[in-house]
């Protein structure tokens, strides 16, 4: 019988805990211990143990595609848990019996400081042909309990698949990458409204993002943010200037009012924080 469990250290102060179901576990602090990662044997059981030596390369299933969260970054705020899915397409002469995907964070596999495993004990596999199947799993992450700021950014995607006849398995510890990001917010306020043509318009704003350490939102400082304008009746925005976010993520600049239109801030995003556009602020120019 296959075992679907792994062991991880959730903090320097907590003891080792066996985890079943999805869990993102972090081991923060200088006293962190190494997280124990899943192995083919722990996931696929005796099938992996018996076939770990001596089976032919032809018996190894071929992984052709892995899709995480529909190809989108995994973005979380401060309170709401997020559930997303992962699909694995693989093939083997006997077809595919099971699959397992987990995510690990760290500079190297040996220095993993975060891990995410699926909700389900077994993947749901659907055959598209006599030799190929797509297997799906879901994951749930709660930022209040399972994330710290150090875990934002790139995560490695590890993939395992087992043939339908148990004759072989594939276990890829570093198949691809995905990103787990801190939700961003961006606001704009243009004053005064209305304004006379040719007068100085002041455009303020704030760029902030989720702080998983405190459970609150905090200003994202020293980031390049574009000020954009769309004339009334126009189809698209034009970038007028770029401003660096200051203390507490504050944004401020001035422009000359020329015509009625919409003002917004636009942030391109970073590896840890997604891109975002503020809602538009319409200004009537007299």
C-alpha atoms as a PDB file:
ATOM      1  CA  UNK A   1       0.000   0.000   0.000  1.00  0.00           C
ATOM      2  CA  UNK A   2       1.373   3.372  -0.970  1.00  0.00           C
ATOM      3  CA  UNK A   3       2.133   5.869   1.779  1.00  0.00           C
ATOM      4  CA  UNK A   4       1.053   9.461   1.146  1.00  0.00           C
ATOM      5  CA  UNK A   5       2.770  11.312   3.959  1.00  0.00           C
ATOM      6  CA  UNK A   6       5.857  13.368   4.538  1.00  0.00           C
ATOM      7  CA  UNK A   7       7.603  14.874   7.528  1.00  0.00           C
ATOM      8  CA  UNK A   8       8.596  18.509   7.874  1.00  0.00           C
ATOM      9  CA  UNK A   9       9.793  20.947  10.479  1.00  0.00           C
ATOM     10  CA  UNK A  10       7.310  23.789  10.780  1.00  0.00           C
ATOM     11  CA  UNK A  11       9.513  25.955  12.985  1.00  0.00           C
ATOM     12  CA  UNK A  12      12.606  25.777  15.139  1.00  0.00           C
ATOM     13  CA  UNK A  13      10.391  25.535  18.226  1.00  0.00           C
ATOM     14  CA  UNK A  14       8.150  22.712  17.049  1.00  0.00           C
ATOM     15  CA  UNK A  15       8.795  19.014  16.951  1.00  0.00           C
ATOM     16  CA  UNK A  16       8.690  16.919  13.772  1.00  0.00           C
ATOM     17  CA  UNK A  17       5.153  16.316  12.571  1.00  0.00           C
ATOM     18  CA  UNK A  18       3.769  13.853  10.028  1.00  0.00           C
ATOM     19  CA  UNK A  19       1.743  15.697   7.420  1.00  0.00           C
ATOM     20  CA  UNK A  20      -1.139  14.397   5.361  1.00  0.00           C
ATOM     21  CA  UNK A  21      -3.059  16.625   2.986  1.00  0.00           C
ATOM     22  CA  UNK A  22      -1.761  19.900   1.597  1.00  0.00           C
ATOM     23  CA  UNK A  23       0.599  21.847   3.773  1.00  0.00           C
ATOM     24  CA  UNK A  24       3.148  24.545   3.123  1.00  0.00           C
ATOM     25  CA  UNK A  25       5.704  24.247   5.885  1.00  0.00           C
ATOM     26  CA  UNK A  26       8.459  26.704   6.700  1.00  0.00           C
ATOM     27  CA  UNK A  27      11.402  26.326   9.005  1.00  0.00           C
ATOM     28  CA  UNK A  28      12.379  29.931   9.798  1.00  0.00           C
ATOM     29  CA  UNK A  29      15.242  31.157  11.938  1.00  0.00           C
ATOM     30  CA  UNK A  30      18.895  30.295  12.422  1.00  0.00           C
ATOM     31  CA  UNK A  31      18.003  27.156  14.374  1.00  0.00           C
ATOM     32  CA  UNK A  32      15.984  25.646  11.541  1.00  0.00           C
ATOM     33  CA  UNK A  33      16.303  21.942  10.924  1.00  0.00           C
ATOM     34  CA  UNK A  34      16.261  20.357   7.522  1.00  0.00           C
ATOM     35  CA  UNK A  35      12.815  19.521   6.199  1.00  0.00           C
ATOM     36  CA  UNK A  36      12.413  15.855   5.333  1.00  0.00           C
ATOM     37  CA  UNK A  37      11.215  15.745   1.742  1.00  0.00           C
ATOM     38  CA  UNK A  38       9.033  13.089   0.097  1.00  0.00           C
ATOM     39  CA  UNK A  39      10.742  10.192  -1.636  1.00  0.00           C
ATOM     40  CA  UNK A  40       9.482   7.794  -4.288  1.00  0.00           C
ATOM     41  CA  UNK A  41       9.379   5.090  -1.638  1.00  0.00           C
ATOM     42  CA  UNK A  42       7.369   7.185   0.824  1.00  0.00           C
ATOM     43  CA  UNK A  43       4.867   8.128  -1.901  1.00  0.00           C
ATOM     44  CA  UNK A  44       4.588   5.016  -4.070  1.00  0.00           C
ATOM     45  CA  UNK A  45       5.502   2.476  -1.399  1.00  0.00           C
ATOM     46  CA  UNK A  46       6.827  -0.975  -2.176  1.00  0.00           C
ATOM     47  CA  UNK A  47       6.414  -0.476  -5.917  1.00  0.00           C
ATOM     48  CA  UNK A  48       9.169   2.160  -5.869  1.00  0.00           C
ATOM     49  CA  UNK A  49      11.368   0.128  -3.532  1.00  0.00           C
ATOM     50  CA  UNK A  50      11.177  -3.023  -5.605  1.00  0.00           C
ATOM     51  CA  UNK A  51      11.814  -1.255  -8.876  1.00  0.00           C
ATOM     52  CA  UNK A  52      14.382   1.277  -7.703  1.00  0.00           C
ATOM     53  CA  UNK A  53      17.252  -0.842  -9.042  1.00  0.00           C
ATOM     54  CA  UNK A  54      17.728  -2.764 -12.226  1.00  0.00           C
ATOM     55  CA  UNK A  55      14.628  -1.946 -14.239  1.00  0.00           C
ATOM     56  CA  UNK A  56      15.079  -0.883 -17.841  1.00  0.00           C
ATOM     57  CA  UNK A  57      14.892   2.753 -18.930  1.00  0.00           C
ATOM     58  CA  UNK A  58      11.993   1.823 -21.176  1.00  0.00           C
ATOM     59  CA  UNK A  59       9.982   1.090 -18.045  1.00  0.00           C
ATOM     60  CA  UNK A  60      10.271   4.686 -16.825  1.00  0.00           C
ATOM     61  CA  UNK A  61       7.124   6.756 -17.484  1.00  0.00           C
ATOM     62  CA  UNK A  62       7.600   9.902 -19.556  1.00  0.00           C
ATOM     63  CA  UNK A  63       6.311  13.201 -18.176  1.00  0.00           C
ATOM     64  CA  UNK A  64       5.256  15.474 -21.034  1.00  0.00           C
ATOM     65  CA  UNK A  65       3.470  18.338 -19.282  1.00  0.00           C
ATOM     66  CA  UNK A  66       2.963  19.829 -15.818  1.00  0.00           C
ATOM     67  CA  UNK A  67       0.539  22.732 -15.336  1.00  0.00           C
ATOM     68  CA  UNK A  68       0.400  24.587 -12.018  1.00  0.00           C
ATOM     69  CA  UNK A  69      -2.586  26.818 -11.189  1.00  0.00           C
ATOM     70  CA  UNK A  70      -3.569  27.090 -14.839  1.00  0.00           C
ATOM     71  CA  UNK A  71      -0.153  28.500 -15.683  1.00  0.00           C
ATOM     72  CA  UNK A  72      -0.580  31.473 -13.340  1.00  0.00           C
ATOM     73  CA  UNK A  73       1.450  32.566 -10.326  1.00  0.00           C
ATOM     74  CA  UNK A  74       0.089  31.560  -6.914  1.00  0.00           C
ATOM     75  CA  UNK A  75      -0.826  34.824  -5.192  1.00  0.00           C
ATOM     76  CA  UNK A  76      -1.939  35.090  -1.567  1.00  0.00           C
ATOM     77  CA  UNK A  77      -2.997  37.925   0.685  1.00  0.00           C
ATOM     78  CA  UNK A  78      -2.875  37.961   4.473  1.00  0.00           C
ATOM     79  CA  UNK A  79      -5.958  36.011   5.560  1.00  0.00           C
ATOM     80  CA  UNK A  80      -7.721  34.028   2.841  1.00  0.00           C
ATOM     81  CA  UNK A  81      -6.574  30.483   2.059  1.00  0.00           C
ATOM     82  CA  UNK A  82      -6.154  29.640  -1.619  1.00  0.00           C
ATOM     83  CA  UNK A  83      -6.861  26.307  -3.291  1.00  0.00           C
ATOM     84  CA  UNK A  84      -5.388  25.586  -6.715  1.00  0.00           C
ATOM     85  CA  UNK A  85      -4.864  22.566  -8.935  1.00  0.00           C
ATOM     86  CA  UNK A  86      -1.962  20.889 -10.694  1.00  0.00           C
ATOM     87  CA  UNK A  87      -2.163  18.527 -13.658  1.00  0.00           C
ATOM     88  CA  UNK A  88       0.486  16.106 -14.892  1.00  0.00           C
ATOM     89  CA  UNK A  89       0.380  14.474 -18.318  1.00  0.00           C
ATOM     90  CA  UNK A  90       2.544  11.366 -18.641  1.00  0.00           C
ATOM     91  CA  UNK A  91       2.762   8.181 -20.678  1.00  0.00           C
ATOM     92  CA  UNK A  92       3.880   4.560 -20.347  1.00  0.00           C
ATOM     93  CA  UNK A  93       3.233   1.358 -22.280  1.00  0.00           C
ATOM     94  CA  UNK A  94       0.823   0.262 -19.532  1.00  0.00           C
ATOM     95  CA  UNK A  95      -0.490   3.818 -18.982  1.00  0.00           C
ATOM     96  CA  UNK A  96      -0.221   5.793 -15.713  1.00  0.00           C
ATOM     97  CA  UNK A  97      -1.505   4.555 -12.375  1.00  0.00           C
ATOM     98  CA  UNK A  98      -0.703   7.506 -10.131  1.00  0.00           C
ATOM     99  CA  UNK A  99       1.144  10.821  -9.905  1.00  0.00           C
ATOM    100  CA  UNK A 100       2.482  13.046  -7.177  1.00  0.00           C
ATOM    101  CA  UNK A 101       3.606  16.665  -7.331  1.00  0.00           C
ATOM    102  CA  UNK A 102       5.136  18.645  -4.492  1.00  0.00           C
ATOM    103  CA  UNK A 103       6.736  22.068  -4.287  1.00  0.00           C
ATOM    104  CA  UNK A 104       9.923  22.924  -2.442  1.00  0.00           C
ATOM    105  CA  UNK A 105      11.573  26.237  -1.683  1.00  0.00           C
ATOM    106  CA  UNK A 106      15.267  26.765  -1.039  1.00  0.00           C
ATOM    107  CA  UNK A 107      18.590  27.668  -2.576  1.00  0.00           C
ATOM    108  CA  UNK A 108      19.322  23.948  -3.063  1.00  0.00           C
ATOM    109  CA  UNK A 109      17.425  20.707  -2.526  1.00  0.00           C
ATOM    110  CA  UNK A 110      19.556  20.051   0.549  1.00  0.00           C
ATOM    111  CA  UNK A 111      18.633  23.480   1.970  1.00  0.00           C
ATOM    112  CA  UNK A 112      14.866  23.270   1.499  1.00  0.00           C
ATOM    113  CA  UNK A 113      13.039  25.631   3.870  1.00  0.00           C
ATOM    114  CA  UNK A 114       9.461  25.233   2.614  1.00  0.00           C
ATOM    115  CA  UNK A 115       7.335  22.443   1.177  1.00  0.00           C
ATOM    116  CA  UNK A 116       3.822  22.077  -0.213  1.00  0.00           C
ATOM    117  CA  UNK A 117       2.101  18.712  -0.741  1.00  0.00           C
ATOM    118  CA  UNK A 118      -1.340  17.866  -2.214  1.00  0.00           C
ATOM    119  CA  UNK A 119      -4.695  17.585  -0.453  1.00  0.00           C
ATOM    120  CA  UNK A 120      -5.469  14.165  -1.875  1.00  0.00           C
ATOM    121  CA  UNK A 121      -3.889  10.869  -0.940  1.00  0.00           C
ATOM    122  CA  UNK A 122      -4.071   9.781  -4.586  1.00  0.00           C
ATOM    123  CA  UNK A 123      -4.118  11.746  -7.801  1.00  0.00           C
ATOM    124  CA  UNK A 124      -7.169  11.579 -10.056  1.00  0.00           C
ATOM    125  CA  UNK A 125      -5.929  10.182 -13.372  1.00  0.00           C
ATOM    126  CA  UNK A 126      -7.893  10.161 -16.628  1.00  0.00           C
ATOM    127  CA  UNK A 127      -6.643   8.323 -19.701  1.00  0.00           C
ATOM    128  CA  UNK A 128      -6.613  10.132 -23.029  1.00  0.00           C
ATOM    129  CA  UNK A 129      -5.223   7.092 -24.866  1.00  0.00           C
ATOM    130  CA  UNK A 130      -4.024   3.548 -24.168  1.00  0.00           C
ATOM    131  CA  UNK A 131      -0.662   4.894 -22.991  1.00  0.00           C
ATOM    132  CA  UNK A 132      -1.241   8.473 -21.809  1.00  0.00           C
ATOM    133  CA  UNK A 133      -3.097   9.945 -18.838  1.00  0.00           C
ATOM    134  CA  UNK A 134      -3.504  13.314 -17.165  1.00  0.00           C
ATOM    135  CA  UNK A 135      -3.492  13.231 -13.380  1.00  0.00           C
ATOM    136  CA  UNK A 136      -4.820  16.052 -11.214  1.00  0.00           C
ATOM    137  CA  UNK A 137      -4.260  17.113  -7.616  1.00  0.00           C
ATOM    138  CA  UNK A 138      -5.322  20.124  -5.518  1.00  0.00           C
ATOM    139  CA  UNK A 139      -3.440  22.168  -2.940  1.00  0.00           C
ATOM    140  CA  UNK A 140      -4.570  24.572  -0.242  1.00  0.00           C
ATOM    141  CA  UNK A 141      -2.325  27.225   1.291  1.00  0.00           C
ATOM    142  CA  UNK A 142      -3.301  29.385   4.267  1.00  0.00           C
ATOM    143  CA  UNK A 143      -1.015  32.436   4.583  1.00  0.00           C
ATOM    144  CA  UNK A 144      -1.931  32.894   8.243  1.00  0.00           C
ATOM    145  CA  UNK A 145      -0.354  29.583   9.211  1.00  0.00           C
ATOM    146  CA  UNK A 146       1.839  28.357   6.399  1.00  0.00           C
ATOM    147  CA  UNK A 147       3.730  31.273   4.865  1.00  0.00           C
ATOM    148  CA  UNK A 148       6.451  33.704   5.876  1.00  0.00           C
ATOM    149  CA  UNK A 149       7.892  36.502   3.750  1.00  0.00           C
ATOM    150  CA  UNK A 150      11.074  34.547   3.070  1.00  0.00           C
ATOM    151  CA  UNK A 151       9.023  31.991   1.122  1.00  0.00           C
ATOM    152  CA  UNK A 152       7.819  34.504  -1.487  1.00  0.00           C
ATOM    153  CA  UNK A 153       9.224  34.061  -4.989  1.00  0.00           C
ATOM    154  CA  UNK A 154      10.358  31.058  -6.974  1.00  0.00           C
ATOM    155  CA  UNK A 155       9.485  27.496  -5.886  1.00  0.00           C
ATOM    156  CA  UNK A 156      10.686  24.276  -7.481  1.00  0.00           C
ATOM    157  CA  UNK A 157       8.167  21.778  -8.819  1.00  0.00           C
ATOM    158  CA  UNK A 158       8.984  18.111  -8.161  1.00  0.00           C
ATOM    159  CA  UNK A 159       7.086  15.389 -10.028  1.00  0.00           C
ATOM    160  CA  UNK A 160       6.625  11.658  -9.558  1.00  0.00           C
ATOM    161  CA  UNK A 161       4.577   9.268 -11.718  1.00  0.00           C
ATOM    162  CA  UNK A 162       3.940   5.540 -11.395  1.00  0.00           C
ATOM    163  CA  UNK A 163       3.116   3.227 -14.287  1.00  0.00           C
ATOM    164  CA  UNK A 164      -0.256   1.473 -14.252  1.00  0.00           C
ATOM    165  CA  UNK A 165       1.368  -1.956 -14.040  1.00  0.00           C
ATOM    166  CA  UNK A 166       3.809  -0.859 -11.283  1.00  0.00           C
ATOM    167  CA  UNK A 167       6.743  -1.796 -13.512  1.00  0.00           C
ATOM    168  CA  UNK A 168       8.407   1.609 -13.271  1.00  0.00           C
ATOM    169  CA  UNK A 169       8.237   5.117 -11.955  1.00  0.00           C
ATOM    170  CA  UNK A 170       9.718   8.538 -12.660  1.00  0.00           C
ATOM    171  CA  UNK A 171      10.859  10.818  -9.866  1.00  0.00           C
ATOM    172  CA  UNK A 172      12.035  14.304 -10.870  1.00  0.00           C
ATOM    173  CA  UNK A 173      13.073  16.498  -7.968  1.00  0.00           C
ATOM    174  CA  UNK A 174      13.509  19.642 -10.071  1.00  0.00           C
ATOM    175  CA  UNK A 175      11.119  19.470 -13.013  1.00  0.00           C
ATOM    176  CA  UNK A 176      10.187  23.142 -13.344  1.00  0.00           C
ATOM    177  CA  UNK A 177       9.443  26.281 -11.342  1.00  0.00           C
ATOM    178  CA  UNK A 178       6.434  28.276 -10.190  1.00  0.00           C
ATOM    179  CA  UNK A 179       6.050  31.453  -8.141  1.00  0.00           C
ATOM    180  CA  UNK A 180       4.293  32.063  -4.827  1.00  0.00           C
ATOM    181  CA  UNK A 181       3.685  35.790  -4.450  1.00  0.00           C
ATOM    182  CA  UNK A 182       2.538  38.367  -1.909  1.00  0.00           C
ATOM    183  CA  UNK A 183      -0.743  40.015  -3.007  1.00  0.00           C
ATOM    184  CA  UNK A 184      -0.309  43.665  -4.005  1.00  0.00           C
ATOM    185  CA  UNK A 185      -2.548  46.726  -3.733  1.00  0.00           C
ATOM    186  CA  UNK A 186      -2.257  50.040  -5.572  1.00  0.00           C
ATOM    187  CA  UNK A 187      -4.423  53.140  -5.121  1.00  0.00           C
ATOM    188  CA  UNK A 188      -4.529  56.528  -6.866  1.00  0.00           C
ATOM    189  CA  UNK A 189      -5.947  59.939  -6.012  1.00  0.00           C
ATOM    190  CA  UNK A 190      -5.671  62.942  -8.343  1.00  0.00           C
ATOM    191  CA  UNK A 191      -6.481  66.413  -6.945  1.00  0.00           C
ATOM    192  CA  UNK A 192      -8.011  68.902  -7.241  1.00  0.00           C
ATOM    193  CA  UNK A 193     -11.186  67.776  -9.014  1.00  0.00           C
ATOM    194  CA  UNK A 194     -12.371  69.488 -11.148  1.00  0.00           C
ATOM    195  CA  UNK A 195      -9.372  71.525 -12.294  1.00  0.00           C
ATOM    196  CA  UNK A 196      -8.767  74.361 -14.709  1.00  0.00           C
ATOM    197  CA  UNK A 197      -6.798  73.638 -17.866  1.00  0.00           C
ATOM    198  CA  UNK A 198      -3.096  74.354 -17.458  1.00  0.00           C
ATOM    199  CA  UNK A 199      -3.180  74.188 -13.667  1.00  0.00           C
ATOM    200  CA  UNK A 200      -1.076  71.736 -11.638  1.00  0.00           C
ATOM    201  CA  UNK A 201      -2.646  68.393 -10.859  1.00  0.00           C
ATOM    202  CA  UNK A 202      -1.212  66.383  -7.962  1.00  0.00           C
ATOM    203  CA  UNK A 203      -1.403  62.616  -8.261  1.00  0.00           C
ATOM    204  CA  UNK A 204      -0.912  60.623  -5.072  1.00  0.00           C
ATOM    205  CA  UNK A 205      -1.007  56.910  -4.414  1.00  0.00           C
ATOM    206  CA  UNK A 206       0.210  53.990  -2.333  1.00  0.00           C
ATOM    207  CA  UNK A 207       1.769  50.678  -3.318  1.00  0.00           C
ATOM    208  CA  UNK A 208       1.457  47.980  -0.671  1.00  0.00           C
ATOM    209  CA  UNK A 209       1.672  44.206  -0.431  1.00  0.00           C
ATOM    210  CA  UNK A 210       0.833  41.387   1.941  1.00  0.00           C
ATOM    211  CA  UNK A 211       3.211  40.919   4.849  1.00  0.00           C
ATOM    212  CA  UNK A 212       2.916  37.241   5.798  1.00  0.00           C
ATOM    213  CA  UNK A 213       5.034  37.774   8.911  1.00  0.00           C
ATOM    214  CA  UNK A 214       2.615  40.264  10.471  1.00  0.00           C
ATOM    215  CA  UNK A 215      -0.652  39.324   8.777  1.00  0.00           C
ATOM    216  CA  UNK A 216      -1.094  42.900   7.561  1.00  0.00           C
ATOM    217  CA  UNK A 217      -0.397  44.972   4.436  1.00  0.00           C
ATOM    218  CA  UNK A 218       2.683  47.174   4.339  1.00  0.00           C
ATOM    219  CA  UNK A 219       4.075  49.732   1.918  1.00  0.00           C
ATOM    220  CA  UNK A 220       6.334  48.400  -0.841  1.00  0.00           C
ATOM    221  CA  UNK A 221       9.150  50.937  -1.006  1.00  0.00           C
ATOM    222  CA  UNK A 222      11.756  51.817  -3.640  1.00  0.00           C
ATOM    223  CA  UNK A 223       9.708  50.369  -6.501  1.00  0.00           C
ATOM    224  CA  UNK A 224       9.306  51.913  -9.967  1.00  0.00           C
ATOM    225  CA  UNK A 225       5.662  52.744 -10.649  1.00  0.00           C
ATOM    226  CA  UNK A 226       4.361  54.308 -13.849  1.00  0.00           C
ATOM    227  CA  UNK A 227       1.898  57.181 -13.941  1.00  0.00           C
ATOM    228  CA  UNK A 228      -0.478  56.630 -16.855  1.00  0.00           C
ATOM    229  CA  UNK A 229      -3.202  58.729 -18.468  1.00  0.00           C
ATOM    230  CA  UNK A 230      -6.068  57.884 -20.813  1.00  0.00           C
ATOM    231  CA  UNK A 231      -7.826  60.791 -22.491  1.00  0.00           C
ATOM    232  CA  UNK A 232     -11.619  60.673 -22.386  1.00  0.00           C
ATOM    233  CA  UNK A 233     -12.775  58.633 -25.382  1.00  0.00           C
ATOM    234  CA  UNK A 234      -9.361  57.048 -25.979  1.00  0.00           C
ATOM    235  CA  UNK A 235      -8.822  53.291 -26.067  1.00  0.00           C
ATOM    236  CA  UNK A 236      -5.561  52.935 -24.160  1.00  0.00           C
ATOM    237  CA  UNK A 237      -3.322  54.476 -21.514  1.00  0.00           C
ATOM    238  CA  UNK A 238      -0.098  56.383 -22.128  1.00  0.00           C
ATOM    239  CA  UNK A 239       2.776  56.390 -19.642  1.00  0.00           C
ATOM    240  CA  UNK A 240       3.771  59.941 -18.714  1.00  0.00           C
ATOM    241  CA  UNK A 241       6.454  59.355 -16.088  1.00  0.00           C
ATOM    242  CA  UNK A 242       7.893  56.816 -13.641  1.00  0.00           C
ATOM    243  CA  UNK A 243       8.024  57.434  -9.906  1.00  0.00           C
ATOM    244  CA  UNK A 244       9.807  55.535  -7.114  1.00  0.00           C
ATOM    245  CA  UNK A 245       7.642  54.536  -4.167  1.00  0.00           C
ATOM    246  CA  UNK A 246       8.810  56.203  -0.974  1.00  0.00           C
ATOM    247  CA  UNK A 247       8.195  55.718   2.720  1.00  0.00           C
ATOM    248  CA  UNK A 248       5.308  53.309   3.378  1.00  0.00           C
ATOM    249  CA  UNK A 249       4.941  52.843  -0.392  1.00  0.00           C
ATOM    250  CA  UNK A 250       3.822  56.437  -0.982  1.00  0.00           C
ATOM    251  CA  UNK A 251       3.624  57.801  -4.532  1.00  0.00           C
ATOM    252  CA  UNK A 252       3.403  61.459  -5.504  1.00  0.00           C
ATOM    253  CA  UNK A 253       3.990  63.586  -8.581  1.00  0.00           C
ATOM    254  CA  UNK A 254       2.556  66.605 -10.381  1.00  0.00           C
ATOM    255  CA  UNK A 255       1.445  67.218 -13.966  1.00  0.00           C
ATOM    256  CA  UNK A 256      -0.246  69.988 -15.921  1.00  0.00           C
ATOM    257  CA  UNK A 257      -3.932  69.385 -16.543  1.00  0.00           C
ATOM    258  CA  UNK A 258      -4.634  69.387 -20.271  1.00  0.00           C
ATOM    259  CA  UNK A 259      -7.853  67.460 -20.918  1.00  0.00           C
ATOM    260  CA  UNK A 260     -10.539  65.321 -19.335  1.00  0.00           C
ATOM    261  CA  UNK A 261      -9.374  61.803 -18.677  1.00  0.00           C
ATOM    262  CA  UNK A 262      -8.426  58.931 -16.425  1.00  0.00           C
ATOM    263  CA  UNK A 263      -5.336  58.713 -14.228  1.00  0.00           C
ATOM    264  CA  UNK A 264      -3.826  55.545 -12.798  1.00  0.00           C
ATOM    265  CA  UNK A 265      -0.648  54.040 -11.388  1.00  0.00           C
ATOM    266  CA  UNK A 266       0.809  50.895 -12.962  1.00  0.00           C
ATOM    267  CA  UNK A 267       3.260  48.532 -11.240  1.00  0.00           C
ATOM    268  CA  UNK A 268       5.085  45.914 -13.345  1.00  0.00           C
ATOM    269  CA  UNK A 269       5.623  43.508 -10.439  1.00  0.00           C
ATOM    270  CA  UNK A 270       8.642  41.618  -9.108  1.00  0.00           C
ATOM    271  CA  UNK A 271       9.451  37.961  -8.523  1.00  0.00           C
ATOM    272  CA  UNK A 272       7.790  38.138  -5.088  1.00  0.00           C
ATOM    273  CA  UNK A 273       4.932  40.532  -5.857  1.00  0.00           C
ATOM    274  CA  UNK A 274       2.457  40.519  -8.777  1.00  0.00           C
ATOM    275  CA  UNK A 275       1.882  43.316 -11.268  1.00  0.00           C
ATOM    276  CA  UNK A 276      -1.094  45.559 -10.627  1.00  0.00           C
ATOM    277  CA  UNK A 277      -2.869  48.611 -12.016  1.00  0.00           C
ATOM    278  CA  UNK A 278      -4.795  50.944  -9.733  1.00  0.00           C
ATOM    279  CA  UNK A 279      -8.402  51.705 -10.482  1.00  0.00           C
ATOM    280  CA  UNK A 280      -8.732  54.870 -12.572  1.00  0.00           C
ATOM    281  CA  UNK A 281      -9.436  58.321 -11.175  1.00  0.00           C
ATOM    282  CA  UNK A 282     -11.342  60.513 -13.632  1.00  0.00           C
ATOM    283  CA  UNK A 283     -10.485  64.206 -13.631  1.00  0.00           C
ATOM    284  CA  UNK A 284     -12.725  66.851 -15.243  1.00  0.00           C
ATOM    285  CA  UNK A 285     -10.695  69.665 -16.794  1.00  0.00           C
ATOM    286  CA  UNK A 286     -12.584  72.921 -17.183  1.00  0.00           C
END
